[in-house]
Amino acid sequence: MPPITAPFPTARLRRTRGSAQLRALVRETALTVDDLIWPLFVRDGDGIEEEIPSMPGVYRRSVDRIVEAAREAADLGIPAVCLFPYTDPALKTEDCAEAWNPRNLSNRATRAIKAAVPDLAIMTDVALDPYNIHGHDGFVEDGVIVNDRTVEALVKMAVAQAEAGADIIGPSDMMDGRIGAIRAALEEGGFTGVTILSYAAKYASAFYGPFRDAVGASGALKGDKKSYQMDPANSDEALRLVARDLGEGADMVMVKPGMLYLDICRRVKSSFGVPTFAYQVSGEYSMIAGAAAQGWIDGDKAMLESLIAFKRAGCDGVLTYFAPAVARALAGR
């Protein structure tokens, strides 16, 4: 139904914009700390917190420092963190076996966080690229990223993460059939309460570069990921992928990247009405943080405006490296 507006001057649309109080009363979209998932990078060692040059203000942390960050998240009211490992290159192999090692970095960090901050939700990443000598999300055979063998490995990886205490499994690999296979394995293993947040519409984007620096995958990657990640020109395909993943047992779905794909977020939410998330990816974060560091933009205002855009597009939550800064801003700290 189109809006009904009286003619000017009976209707003066500026009236409700005239004061902070009126603007608050008619505001259509709200951003709260409950909307945030904070991605964290974990590395080996002890007492380490090293800034990532291409991501100002973002750090790789050893497990003990990851626990400190988890406590910070809980203190700020952030409901969830998402773990990504920076794997020792010596552990990257053709068979990617470190991916389902119960004592790998991600699983050790999960157990440590659960012991220290049991009420904080932990999301984990399911993809082989941190463990793959080729830097790909799946196994490479004769130059081809193979699907079904990769899915078998992803299942083992997801089960190991569930055993470590993960609350949310995040398959980010974009292989066909992996959601159904992971869901079946979780059910069979007794992990019936573990949630799957599927990277259902993940695009082959140029905005992942700083993330690949953060996890040490930039130098390892051979070729590109266009045979399994989505073509940025496609929109209808995203809906088919979301429908497939929901049909296979995903509880929530994600669009990645986020800021450049808000139209996809809106289409997904409007079409399916399911919990819909977006990832404000590393390149999107670094554009804002880098420009703010140069004094070219007001970083705090740009940060909040970017997060409001996700909510306005229909997202229920956002993975963002800004999470602690947003939480402090919303709390007036």
Protein backbone atom coordinates (compact mmCIF):
# COMPACT_ATOMS: atom_id res chain seq x y z
CA MET A 1 0.00 0.00 0.00
CA PRO A 2 1.53 3.35 -1.03
CA PRO A 3 1.96 5.98 1.71
CA ILE A 4 -0.78 8.59 1.97
CA THR A 5 0.57 12.12 2.31
CA ALA A 6 -1.40 15.34 2.39
CA PRO A 7 -0.27 18.15 0.06
CA PHE A 8 2.14 20.83 1.23
CA PRO A 9 1.85 22.83 3.48
CA THR A 10 -0.64 20.58 5.34
CA ALA A 11 2.06 17.96 5.29
CA ARG A 12 5.52 19.14 6.21
CA LEU A 13 7.67 16.03 6.31
CA ARG A 14 10.42 17.90 8.13
CA ARG A 15 8.22 18.17 11.24
CA THR A 16 9.21 14.73 12.51
CA ARG A 17 12.88 15.49 11.82
CA GLY A 18 12.86 18.70 13.84
CA SER A 19 14.38 17.42 17.09
CA ALA A 20 16.36 14.49 18.43
CA GLN A 21 13.34 13.39 20.45
CA LEU A 22 11.01 13.34 17.43
CA ARG A 23 13.59 11.59 15.29
CA ALA A 24 13.93 8.90 17.96
CA LEU A 25 10.16 8.42 18.13
CA VAL A 26 9.76 7.79 14.40
CA ARG A 27 13.01 5.93 13.73
CA GLU A 28 12.28 2.83 11.67
CA THR A 29 15.46 0.83 12.30
CA ALA A 30 17.29 0.07 15.54
CA LEU A 31 20.82 -1.23 16.02
CA THR A 32 21.60 -2.94 19.33
CA VAL A 33 24.49 -4.89 20.77
CA ASP A 34 22.39 -8.04 20.31
CA ASP A 35 22.93 -7.70 16.55
CA LEU A 36 26.70 -8.23 16.71
CA ILE A 37 29.04 -11.18 16.17
CA TRP A 38 32.72 -10.35 16.68
CA PRO A 39 35.21 -12.21 14.42
CA LEU A 40 38.48 -13.06 16.18
CA PHE A 41 41.76 -14.35 14.77
CA VAL A 42 43.61 -16.92 16.88
CA ARG A 43 47.27 -17.84 16.50
CA ASP A 44 49.73 -20.10 18.30
CA GLY A 45 51.91 -18.95 21.15
CA ASP A 46 51.34 -17.28 24.49
CA GLY A 47 50.77 -13.67 25.46
CA ILE A 48 50.66 -12.57 21.81
CA GLU A 49 48.54 -9.81 20.36
CA GLU A 50 49.79 -8.62 16.97
CA GLU A 51 48.05 -6.06 14.81
CA ILE A 52 47.23 -7.03 11.22
CA PRO A 53 48.74 -4.32 8.96
CA SER A 54 45.89 -4.40 6.43
CA MET A 55 43.22 -4.29 9.16
CA PRO A 56 43.90 -1.34 11.50
CA GLY A 57 42.81 -2.12 15.04
CA VAL A 58 42.36 -5.86 14.41
CA TYR A 59 44.71 -8.39 15.97
CA ARG A 60 45.83 -11.99 15.86
CA ARG A 61 45.72 -13.26 19.42
CA SER A 62 47.14 -16.30 21.15
CA VAL A 63 44.60 -18.48 22.94
CA ASP A 64 45.11 -16.77 26.31
CA ARG A 65 44.51 -13.37 24.72
CA ILE A 66 41.50 -14.74 22.82
CA VAL A 67 40.00 -15.63 26.21
CA GLU A 68 40.59 -12.03 27.33
CA ALA A 69 38.83 -10.80 24.18
CA ALA A 70 35.94 -13.18 24.89
CA ARG A 71 35.60 -11.73 28.39
CA GLU A 72 35.60 -8.26 26.85
CA ALA A 73 32.82 -9.31 24.46
CA ALA A 74 30.73 -10.70 27.31
CA ASP A 75 31.28 -7.56 29.39
CA LEU A 76 30.09 -5.43 26.47
CA GLY A 77 27.00 -7.58 25.97
CA ILE A 78 28.11 -8.95 22.59
CA PRO A 79 26.32 -12.30 22.31
CA ALA A 80 28.77 -14.21 20.08
CA VAL A 81 32.30 -14.37 18.74
CA CYS A 82 33.50 -16.18 15.61
CA LEU A 83 36.92 -17.85 15.52
CA PHE A 84 39.33 -17.96 12.59
CA PRO A 85 42.76 -19.62 12.91
CA TYR A 86 46.11 -18.36 11.69
CA THR A 87 47.65 -21.76 11.06
CA ASP A 88 51.37 -22.47 11.15
CA PRO A 89 52.39 -23.00 7.49
CA ALA A 90 54.10 -26.25 8.55
CA LEU A 91 50.64 -27.63 9.40
CA LYS A 92 49.17 -26.84 5.98
CA THR A 93 49.06 -30.01 3.92
CA GLU A 94 47.51 -31.63 0.88
CA ASP A 95 45.16 -33.69 3.06
CA CYS A 96 44.23 -30.77 5.38
CA ALA A 97 44.16 -33.15 8.36
CA GLU A 98 44.78 -30.34 10.85
CA ALA A 99 41.25 -29.10 10.05
CA TRP A 100 39.65 -31.83 12.18
CA ASN A 101 42.41 -32.20 14.75
CA PRO A 102 40.67 -31.94 18.16
CA ARG A 103 43.66 -29.90 19.38
CA ASN A 104 43.94 -27.46 16.50
CA LEU A 105 43.95 -23.74 17.25
CA SER A 106 40.26 -23.18 16.71
CA ASN A 107 39.21 -26.11 18.89
CA ARG A 108 41.66 -25.20 21.66
CA ALA A 109 40.37 -21.65 21.66
CA THR A 110 36.77 -22.85 21.75
CA ARG A 111 37.43 -25.02 24.81
CA ALA A 112 39.33 -22.22 26.55
CA ILE A 113 36.54 -19.70 25.96
CA LYS A 114 33.86 -22.13 27.10
CA ALA A 115 35.79 -22.76 30.30
CA ALA A 116 36.20 -19.05 31.03
CA VAL A 117 33.03 -17.48 29.57
CA PRO A 118 30.49 -20.30 29.30
CA ASP A 119 27.53 -18.10 28.40
CA LEU A 120 29.19 -16.53 25.36
CA ALA A 121 28.14 -18.16 22.07
CA ILE A 122 31.01 -19.38 19.90
CA MET A 123 30.79 -19.61 16.14
CA THR A 124 33.39 -21.54 14.18
CA ASP A 125 34.38 -21.53 10.53
CA VAL A 126 34.11 -24.67 8.41
CA ALA A 127 36.35 -24.50 5.34
CA LEU A 128 39.69 -26.04 4.45
CA ASP A 129 41.55 -22.91 3.35
CA PRO A 130 43.37 -22.28 6.69
CA TYR A 131 44.78 -25.82 6.50
CA ASN A 132 45.21 -26.28 2.75
CA ILE A 133 48.66 -25.94 1.21
CA HIS A 134 46.89 -24.58 -1.89
CA GLY A 135 44.87 -21.98 0.04
CA HIS A 136 41.54 -23.24 -1.28
CA ASP A 137 38.36 -24.06 0.64
CA GLY A 138 38.36 -27.57 -0.82
CA PHE A 139 40.72 -30.29 -1.97
CA VAL A 140 42.56 -29.64 -5.23
CA GLU A 141 42.95 -32.52 -7.67
CA ASP A 142 44.59 -31.88 -11.06
CA GLY A 143 43.88 -28.18 -10.65
CA VAL A 144 40.19 -28.74 -9.88
CA ILE A 145 38.56 -28.01 -6.51
CA VAL A 146 36.63 -31.22 -5.96
CA ASN A 147 33.28 -31.22 -4.20
CA ASP A 148 32.29 -34.57 -2.68
CA ARG A 149 35.65 -35.49 -1.16
CA THR A 150 35.78 -31.98 0.33
CA VAL A 151 32.34 -32.42 1.89
CA GLU A 152 33.53 -35.57 3.67
CA ALA A 153 36.39 -33.55 5.22
CA LEU A 154 34.08 -30.67 6.16
CA VAL A 155 31.84 -33.09 8.03
CA LYS A 156 34.78 -34.31 10.13
CA MET A 157 35.79 -30.71 10.76
CA ALA A 158 32.30 -29.67 11.88
CA VAL A 159 31.94 -32.63 14.24
CA ALA A 160 35.33 -31.86 15.83
CA GLN A 161 34.20 -28.27 16.37
CA ALA A 162 30.93 -29.40 17.93
CA GLU A 163 32.84 -31.73 20.24
CA ALA A 164 35.02 -28.78 21.30
CA GLY A 165 31.89 -26.86 22.33
CA ALA A 166 30.98 -24.69 19.34
CA ASP A 167 27.45 -23.33 19.50
CA ILE A 168 27.22 -22.21 15.87
CA ILE A 169 28.83 -23.99 12.92
CA GLY A 170 29.56 -21.69 9.99
CA PRO A 171 30.22 -23.56 6.72
CA SER A 172 31.88 -20.93 4.50
CA ASP A 173 33.22 -23.22 1.78
CA MET A 174 30.34 -23.09 -0.75
CA MET A 175 30.56 -26.78 -1.67
CA ASP A 176 27.33 -28.41 -2.87
CA GLY A 177 25.58 -30.64 -0.34
CA ARG A 178 27.69 -29.78 2.68
CA ILE A 179 24.83 -28.46 4.84
CA GLY A 180 22.85 -31.69 4.59
CA ALA A 181 25.92 -33.81 5.26
CA ILE A 182 26.97 -31.72 8.27
CA ARG A 183 23.46 -31.67 9.70
CA ALA A 184 23.16 -35.45 9.41
CA ALA A 185 26.52 -35.97 11.13
CA LEU A 186 25.64 -33.59 13.96
CA GLU A 187 22.36 -35.38 14.54
CA GLU A 188 24.05 -38.76 14.46
CA GLY A 189 26.71 -37.55 16.89
CA GLY A 190 24.16 -36.27 19.39
CA PHE A 191 24.85 -32.58 18.69
CA THR A 192 21.21 -31.83 18.05
CA GLY A 193 21.37 -28.36 19.59
CA VAL A 194 24.27 -27.09 17.49
CA THR A 195 23.13 -24.38 15.10
CA ILE A 196 24.22 -24.08 11.48
CA LEU A 197 24.69 -20.55 10.14
CA SER A 198 25.33 -21.22 6.48
CA TYR A 199 27.35 -18.91 4.29
CA ALA A 200 24.65 -19.54 1.73
CA ALA A 201 25.34 -16.64 -0.64
CA LYS A 202 29.10 -16.08 -0.57
CA TYR A 203 30.46 -14.15 -3.50
CA ALA A 204 33.87 -14.36 -5.20
CA SER A 205 34.73 -10.88 -3.98
CA ALA A 206 37.77 -8.63 -4.22
CA PHE A 207 37.09 -7.50 -0.65
CA TYR A 208 38.53 -10.55 1.14
CA GLY A 209 42.20 -9.59 0.76
CA PRO A 210 42.89 -8.32 4.31
CA PHE A 211 41.19 -11.42 5.78
CA ARG A 212 43.48 -13.67 3.76
CA ASP A 213 46.42 -11.70 5.18
CA ALA A 214 45.00 -12.24 8.67
CA VAL A 215 44.78 -16.03 8.34
CA GLY A 216 47.96 -16.39 6.30
CA ALA A 217 46.21 -17.62 3.15
CA SER A 218 47.27 -14.88 0.72
CA GLY A 219 50.59 -16.43 -0.25
CA ALA A 220 49.21 -19.96 -0.35
CA LEU A 221 46.27 -19.34 -2.68
CA LYS A 222 46.83 -20.64 -6.18
CA GLY A 223 44.34 -19.36 -8.72
CA ASP A 224 40.97 -18.01 -7.64
CA LYS A 225 37.76 -19.25 -6.03
CA LYS A 226 35.33 -18.47 -8.84
CA SER A 227 34.43 -22.12 -9.46
CA TYR A 228 32.72 -22.37 -6.07
CA GLN A 229 32.03 -18.86 -4.80
CA MET A 230 29.27 -16.85 -6.48
CA ASP A 231 29.57 -14.52 -9.44
CA PRO A 232 29.07 -10.94 -8.16
CA ALA A 233 26.76 -10.29 -11.11
CA ASN A 234 24.16 -12.84 -9.90
CA SER A 235 21.17 -12.26 -7.64
CA ASP A 236 18.57 -14.94 -8.41
CA GLU A 237 21.22 -17.62 -7.87
CA ALA A 238 21.62 -16.43 -4.28
CA LEU A 239 17.97 -17.25 -3.60
CA ARG A 240 18.38 -20.73 -5.04
CA LEU A 241 21.39 -21.34 -2.81
CA VAL A 242 19.60 -20.07 0.30
CA ALA A 243 16.58 -22.26 -0.46
CA ARG A 244 18.85 -25.28 -0.91
CA ASP A 245 20.71 -24.72 2.36
CA LEU A 246 17.51 -24.20 4.31
CA GLY A 247 16.12 -27.37 2.80
CA GLU A 248 19.23 -29.25 3.94
CA GLY A 249 18.95 -28.09 7.55
CA ALA A 250 20.54 -24.66 7.93
CA ASP A 251 19.03 -22.72 10.83
CA MET A 252 20.29 -19.32 9.71
CA VAL A 253 21.80 -17.98 6.50
CA MET A 254 24.44 -15.42 5.63
CA VAL A 255 25.23 -13.10 2.75
CA LYS A 256 28.94 -12.33 2.27
CA PRO A 257 30.21 -9.67 1.64
CA GLY A 258 27.63 -7.42 3.18
CA MET A 259 27.85 -3.74 2.34
CA LEU A 260 28.05 -4.26 -1.43
CA TYR A 261 25.29 -6.89 -1.36
CA LEU A 262 22.55 -5.23 0.68
CA ASP A 263 20.12 -5.91 -2.17
CA ILE A 264 20.77 -9.63 -1.68
CA CYS A 265 20.21 -9.31 2.08
CA ARG A 266 16.84 -7.68 1.44
CA ARG A 267 15.80 -10.28 -1.14
CA VAL A 268 16.76 -13.16 1.16
CA LYS A 269 14.92 -11.74 4.16
CA SER A 270 11.83 -10.84 2.14
CA SER A 271 11.73 -14.18 0.32
CA PHE A 272 12.33 -16.57 3.23
CA GLY A 273 11.69 -14.70 6.48
CA VAL A 274 14.47 -16.67 8.21
CA PRO A 275 17.27 -15.37 10.45
CA THR A 276 19.47 -13.54 7.95
CA PHE A 277 23.01 -12.37 8.65
CA ALA A 278 25.67 -10.52 6.72
CA TYR A 279 29.44 -10.34 7.07
CA GLN A 280 30.99 -6.88 6.97
CA VAL A 281 34.11 -8.34 5.46
CA SER A 282 37.72 -7.31 5.95
CA GLY A 283 37.93 -5.06 2.89
CA GLU A 284 34.75 -3.25 3.87
CA TYR A 285 36.05 -2.80 7.41
CA SER A 286 39.49 -1.64 6.27
CA MET A 287 38.05 0.98 3.90
CA ILE A 288 36.29 2.65 6.82
CA ALA A 289 39.03 2.12 9.40
CA GLY A 290 41.76 3.21 6.99
CA ALA A 291 39.93 6.35 5.88
CA ALA A 292 39.20 7.20 9.52
CA ALA A 293 42.86 6.76 10.43
CA GLN A 294 43.76 9.29 7.73
CA GLY A 295 41.18 11.76 9.04
CA TRP A 296 39.20 11.61 5.81
CA ILE A 297 35.94 10.54 7.48
CA ASP A 298 34.47 10.47 10.98
CA GLY A 299 35.18 6.84 11.80
CA ASP A 300 32.60 6.41 14.57
CA LYS A 301 29.79 7.94 12.52
CA ALA A 302 30.71 5.94 9.42
CA MET A 303 30.93 2.76 11.47
CA LEU A 304 27.45 3.18 12.93
CA GLU A 305 25.95 4.27 9.60
CA SER A 306 27.34 1.16 7.92
CA LEU A 307 25.81 -1.10 10.58
CA ILE A 308 22.43 0.62 10.36
CA ALA A 309 22.47 -0.10 6.62
CA PHE A 310 22.60 -3.84 7.34
CA LYS A 311 19.64 -3.60 9.68
CA ARG A 312 17.69 -1.46 7.24
CA ALA A 313 18.28 -4.11 4.56
CA GLY A 314 16.63 -6.72 6.80
CA CYS A 315 19.59 -8.37 8.51
CA ASP A 316 19.03 -9.86 11.94
CA GLY A 317 22.71 -9.60 12.78
CA VAL A 318 26.14 -8.75 11.40
CA LEU A 319 29.62 -10.21 11.73
CA THR A 320 31.77 -7.11 12.10
CA TYR A 321 35.26 -6.30 13.31
CA PHE A 322 33.76 -3.11 14.68
CA ALA A 323 31.72 -5.07 17.23
CA PRO A 324 33.42 -3.87 20.46
CA ALA A 325 33.60 -0.27 19.23
CA VAL A 326 29.92 -0.39 18.24
CA ALA A 327 28.96 -1.87 21.60
CA ARG A 328 30.79 0.91 23.43
CA ALA A 329 29.25 3.58 21.23
CA LEU A 330 25.74 2.24 21.77
CA ALA A 331 26.37 2.18 25.53
CA GLY A 332 27.76 5.71 25.48
CA ARG A 333 31.19 4.58 26.70
